[in-house]
Protein backbone atom coordinates (compact mmCIF):
# COMPACT_ATOMS: atom_id res chain seq x y z
CA MET A 1 108.75 92.87 107.08
CA MET A 2 107.85 92.48 103.05
CA THR A 3 105.92 95.32 101.60
CA LEU A 4 102.71 95.33 99.86
CA ARG A 5 103.44 95.58 96.07
CA ILE A 6 99.97 96.87 94.51
CA ARG A 7 99.80 96.14 90.46
CA PRO A 8 96.97 95.75 88.07
CA PHE A 9 95.77 92.24 87.80
CA ALA A 10 97.29 90.25 85.64
CA VAL A 11 95.48 86.97 83.82
CA ASP A 12 97.93 84.49 85.69
CA ASP A 13 96.44 85.72 89.18
CA THR A 14 92.94 84.56 88.17
CA ASP A 15 93.36 80.91 90.13
CA ALA A 16 94.86 83.07 93.12
CA VAL A 17 92.46 85.84 93.18
CA ILE A 18 89.23 83.78 93.50
CA ALA A 19 90.37 81.38 95.97
CA LEU A 20 91.15 84.92 98.02
CA TRP A 21 87.85 85.57 97.54
CA LEU A 22 86.30 82.28 98.37
CA ASP A 23 88.60 82.22 101.56
CA CYS A 24 87.36 86.08 102.31
CA ASP A 25 83.45 85.03 101.95
CA LEU A 26 83.74 87.54 99.11
CA THR A 27 81.40 85.18 96.67
CA ARG A 28 77.74 83.74 96.30
CA PRO A 29 76.14 81.21 94.17
CA TRP A 30 74.83 83.71 91.78
CA ASN A 31 77.83 85.67 91.19
CA ASP A 32 80.59 83.53 89.29
CA PRO A 33 83.82 85.41 90.24
CA ALA A 34 85.70 84.22 87.34
CA ARG A 35 82.88 85.82 85.07
CA ASP A 36 82.79 88.66 87.21
CA ILE A 37 86.97 88.60 86.35
CA ASP A 38 86.26 88.49 82.54
CA ARG A 39 83.34 90.89 82.57
CA LYS A 40 86.07 93.32 84.41
CA LEU A 41 88.77 92.88 82.14
CA ALA A 42 86.57 93.25 79.05
CA LEU A 43 86.56 96.78 79.86
CA ALA A 44 90.45 97.32 80.02
CA ASP A 45 90.73 100.01 82.83
CA ASP A 46 92.88 98.54 85.05
CA LEU A 47 91.18 99.01 87.91
CA LEU A 48 91.39 95.43 89.01
CA LEU A 49 94.10 95.20 91.49
CA VAL A 50 96.00 93.01 93.16
CA GLY A 51 98.13 93.30 96.70
CA THR A 52 101.43 91.23 96.68
CA LEU A 53 103.95 90.09 99.05
CA ASP A 54 107.02 87.94 97.37
CA HIS A 55 104.82 87.64 94.53
CA HIS A 56 101.87 85.77 96.27
CA VAL A 57 98.17 87.25 96.14
CA VAL A 58 97.42 88.44 99.72
CA GLY A 59 94.56 91.21 98.88
CA THR A 60 92.51 92.30 95.90
CA VAL A 61 90.19 95.66 94.88
CA MET A 62 88.09 96.32 91.78
CA ALA A 63 86.93 99.52 91.36
CA GLY A 64 85.05 101.24 88.77
CA TYR A 65 83.68 104.59 87.43
CA GLU A 66 81.21 105.34 85.13
CA GLY A 67 81.32 109.15 85.08
CA HIS A 68 78.88 109.65 88.00
CA ARG A 69 80.12 107.76 90.72
CA GLY A 70 82.90 105.01 91.82
CA TRP A 71 81.99 101.94 93.18
CA ILE A 72 84.29 99.65 94.85
CA ASN A 73 83.89 95.49 94.59
CA TYR A 74 85.78 92.68 96.18
CA LEU A 75 88.24 94.13 98.42
CA ALA A 76 89.45 91.56 99.77
CA VAL A 77 92.92 90.65 102.64
CA GLU A 78 94.14 86.84 103.17
CA PRO A 79 92.83 86.86 107.16
CA THR A 80 96.73 86.11 107.68
CA GLU A 81 97.38 89.22 106.43
CA ARG A 82 94.53 91.25 107.86
CA GLY A 83 95.83 94.35 110.19
CA ALA A 84 99.10 94.85 108.57
CA GLY A 85 97.40 97.91 106.72
CA HIS A 86 97.04 95.77 103.57
CA GLY A 87 93.45 96.75 103.00
CA ARG A 88 94.01 100.42 103.47
CA ALA A 89 96.93 100.59 100.93
CA LEU A 90 94.37 98.72 98.36
CA MET A 91 91.83 101.32 99.11
CA ASP A 92 94.76 104.42 98.87
CA ALA A 93 95.48 102.86 95.41
CA ALA A 94 92.10 102.93 94.35
CA GLU A 95 91.14 105.83 95.47
CA THR A 96 93.97 107.56 93.54
CA ARG A 97 93.37 105.72 90.41
CA LEU A 98 90.07 107.02 90.69
CA ARG A 99 90.51 110.23 91.50
CA GLU A 100 92.63 110.79 88.44
CA LEU A 101 90.11 109.76 86.53
CA GLY A 102 87.78 113.05 87.65
CA CYS A 103 85.57 110.79 89.99
CA PRO A 104 83.99 112.48 92.93
CA LYS A 105 82.28 110.51 95.20
CA ILE A 106 82.99 106.46 95.82
CA ASN A 107 79.86 104.11 96.88
CA LEU A 108 80.18 100.77 98.43
CA GLN A 109 77.98 97.88 99.67
CA VAL A 110 78.84 95.98 102.68
CA ARG A 111 76.48 93.22 103.83
CA ALA A 112 74.83 94.07 107.18
CA THR A 113 75.88 91.07 108.41
CA ASN A 114 79.95 92.03 108.10
CA PRO A 115 80.17 94.34 110.65
CA ASP A 116 83.92 94.00 110.93
CA ALA A 117 84.22 95.24 107.03
CA ILE A 118 81.73 98.21 108.18
CA ALA A 119 84.00 99.50 110.85
CA PHE A 120 87.13 99.74 108.51
CA TYR A 121 85.46 101.22 106.06
CA LYS A 122 84.34 103.78 108.39
CA ARG A 123 87.70 103.91 109.96
CA ILE A 124 89.40 104.99 106.35
CA GLY A 125 86.34 107.94 106.12
CA PHE A 126 83.29 106.43 104.38
CA THR A 127 80.05 107.10 106.63
CA VAL A 128 76.67 105.03 105.97
CA ASP A 129 74.56 106.89 103.16
CA ASP A 130 70.86 107.54 103.81
CA ALA A 131 70.11 105.52 100.73
CA VAL A 132 68.28 102.09 100.21
CA SER A 133 70.30 99.31 98.11
CA LEU A 134 68.29 98.32 95.30
CA GLY A 135 69.61 95.21 92.90
CA LYS A 136 67.90 93.52 89.73
CA ARG A 137 70.13 90.75 87.91
CA LEU A 138 70.04 91.01 84.62
CA VAL A 139 72.18 87.99 83.85
CA VAL A 140 72.19 84.77 85.98
CA ASP A 141 75.51 83.58 85.90
CA GLU A 142 75.13 79.58 86.51
């Protein structure tokens, strides 16, 4: 069994990462994944991580921190690699980096139509907050 190697995203990972996100049904027409990557890279914070097996991207997690809350986006594990602990390892790596930045709490959003993801996050210690998620598009990706 190969060990998952977790490292910061590199520009050469772009195509593989976008393919993974599409395969995991994480993208939506109003969120251009290439633009999301470009926006994240503009921050130069090394919080977009990839997990690789034998140099093949099999997982990702994008974390963010603005001084009040940490956020998790784009946690993805290649469907054929699920159940091997890669999602937990990616989350542990993101949490470690956020802790090092002084982050006191992590938030994330999961589509209500994805009970498997909700169950995963509960297994690793997340709870459902008594909050309503609101959103407002400032930029429309076309």
